[in-house]
Amino acid sequence: MYNKRSIGARFEQIADKYLTEQGYVILDHNFQCRTGEIDIIAKESGYLVFIEVKFRSSTVKGLPQEAIDMRKIIKISRTALYYMLKKHISDDTPCRFDVVHILDKDISIIKNAFEAIL
């Protein structure tokens, strides 16, 4: 029996491998604090990248990336800010928010998928 957490972990591993193949250097996984969680934190092309992983087995409930609503963007943004504070990362560090979306067996990245909202 699979629960949401184990399914999510499996697809985050798939995303992790894919990102590494694309040149990302993975720094952290499942960073959590009171404001939320960020699936993967990496470096790529001089950017600190906060990555949300979304999976759907079909489009019946919409595309994976459509599951990221305004509420989720705010939570990710606040969690990213806390990560930077906790890790003593300068606020002038170039950052972006990417989404890895997995639809059945297809995987791709949306770079700079959204802007931070605090």
Protein backbone atom coordinates (compact mmCIF):
# COMPACT_ATOMS: atom_id res chain seq x y z
CA MET A 1 0.00 0.00 0.00
CA TYR A 2 1.37 3.38 -1.01
CA ASN A 3 0.61 6.61 0.76
CA LYS A 4 1.00 10.12 -0.66
CA ARG A 5 4.33 10.61 1.10
CA SER A 6 5.92 7.46 -0.36
CA ILE A 7 4.56 8.20 -3.84
CA GLY A 8 5.88 11.75 -3.59
CA ALA A 9 9.30 10.51 -2.44
CA ARG A 10 9.48 8.12 -5.41
CA PHE A 11 8.77 10.88 -7.92
CA GLU A 12 11.14 13.28 -6.17
CA GLN A 13 13.89 10.66 -6.69
CA ILE A 14 12.99 10.51 -10.39
CA ALA A 15 13.09 14.32 -10.55
CA ASP A 16 16.40 14.37 -8.69
CA LYS A 17 18.02 12.06 -11.25
CA TYR A 18 16.57 14.07 -14.14
CA LEU A 19 17.75 17.39 -12.69
CA THR A 20 21.27 16.03 -12.15
CA GLU A 21 21.32 14.89 -15.78
CA GLN A 22 20.30 18.45 -16.78
CA GLY A 23 23.27 19.96 -14.92
CA TYR A 24 21.63 20.90 -11.62
CA VAL A 25 23.68 20.42 -8.44
CA ILE A 26 21.34 19.22 -5.70
CA LEU A 27 21.88 20.95 -2.35
CA ASP A 28 18.91 19.84 -0.26
CA HIS A 29 15.76 17.71 -0.27
CA ASN A 30 12.44 18.25 1.49
CA PHE A 31 13.43 21.38 3.38
CA GLN A 32 10.67 22.02 5.93
CA CYS A 33 9.78 24.77 8.33
CA ARG A 34 6.58 26.18 9.82
CA THR A 35 5.71 28.02 6.62
CA GLY A 36 5.96 25.01 4.30
CA GLU A 37 8.19 22.64 2.40
CA ILE A 38 10.39 22.81 -0.68
CA ASP A 39 10.92 19.51 -2.50
CA ILE A 40 14.39 20.13 -3.94
CA ILE A 41 16.91 22.97 -3.62
CA ALA A 42 19.71 23.12 -6.19
CA LYS A 43 22.18 25.30 -8.03
CA GLU A 44 22.03 25.73 -11.78
CA SER A 45 23.65 28.30 -14.08
CA GLY A 46 24.57 30.59 -11.19
CA TYR A 47 21.08 30.48 -9.65
CA LEU A 48 19.88 29.11 -6.35
CA VAL A 49 16.83 27.15 -7.50
CA PHE A 50 13.84 26.15 -5.40
CA ILE A 51 12.08 23.26 -7.13
CA GLU A 52 8.56 21.95 -6.73
CA VAL A 53 7.89 18.44 -8.07
CA LYS A 54 4.40 17.61 -9.32
CA PHE A 55 3.16 14.28 -10.67
CA ARG A 56 -0.02 13.16 -12.39
CA SER A 57 -0.68 9.77 -13.95
CA SER A 58 -3.13 11.37 -16.39
CA THR A 59 -4.66 14.75 -17.22
CA VAL A 60 -8.07 13.87 -15.70
CA LYS A 61 -7.37 16.25 -12.79
CA GLY A 62 -5.41 18.67 -14.97
CA LEU A 63 -1.73 19.08 -15.72
CA PRO A 64 0.72 18.56 -12.84
CA GLN A 65 1.89 22.18 -12.82
CA GLU A 66 -1.71 23.40 -12.49
CA ALA A 67 -1.67 22.09 -8.91
CA ILE A 68 0.51 25.04 -7.91
CA ASP A 69 -1.92 27.75 -6.90
CA MET A 70 -1.36 31.16 -5.33
CA ARG A 71 -1.49 29.73 -1.79
CA LYS A 72 1.23 27.21 -2.68
CA ILE A 73 3.38 29.90 -4.32
CA ILE A 74 3.20 32.03 -1.16
CA LYS A 75 4.16 29.05 1.02
CA ILE A 76 7.10 28.12 -1.22
CA SER A 77 8.25 31.76 -1.38
CA ARG A 78 8.22 32.17 2.40
CA THR A 79 9.95 28.83 2.90
CA ALA A 80 12.65 29.82 0.38
CA LEU A 81 13.25 33.08 2.24
CA TYR A 82 13.57 31.20 5.53
CA TYR A 83 15.99 28.72 3.91
CA MET A 84 18.19 31.59 2.77
CA LEU A 85 18.12 33.18 6.23
CA LYS A 86 18.89 29.90 7.99
CA LYS A 87 21.75 29.05 5.59
CA HIS A 88 23.14 32.63 5.68
CA ILE A 89 22.67 33.09 1.93
CA SER A 90 22.80 36.72 0.83
CA ASP A 91 19.51 38.21 -0.32
CA ASP A 92 21.20 39.45 -3.51
CA THR A 93 21.85 35.82 -4.58
CA PRO A 94 20.10 35.18 -7.90
CA CYS A 95 17.21 32.80 -7.24
CA ARG A 96 14.39 31.28 -9.21
CA PHE A 97 11.52 28.86 -8.79
CA ASP A 98 11.35 25.88 -11.13
CA VAL A 99 8.73 23.17 -11.44
CA VAL A 100 9.48 19.61 -12.47
CA HIS A 101 6.30 18.11 -13.80
CA ILE A 102 5.87 14.44 -14.40
CA LEU A 103 2.90 13.28 -16.45
CA ASP A 104 2.81 9.49 -16.49
CA LYS A 105 6.31 8.74 -17.83
CA ASP A 106 7.05 12.18 -19.36
CA ILE A 107 9.20 14.55 -17.33
CA SER A 108 10.19 18.16 -17.99
CA ILE A 109 11.20 21.36 -16.25
CA ILE A 110 9.54 24.75 -16.27
CA LYS A 111 12.35 27.15 -15.40
CA ASN A 112 11.35 30.34 -13.60
CA ALA A 113 7.80 28.99 -13.33
CA PHE A 114 6.67 31.76 -10.97
CA GLU A 115 7.90 34.82 -9.10
CA ALA A 116 8.19 34.91 -5.31
CA ILE A 117 5.20 36.31 -3.47
CA LEU A 118 5.66 37.15 0.20
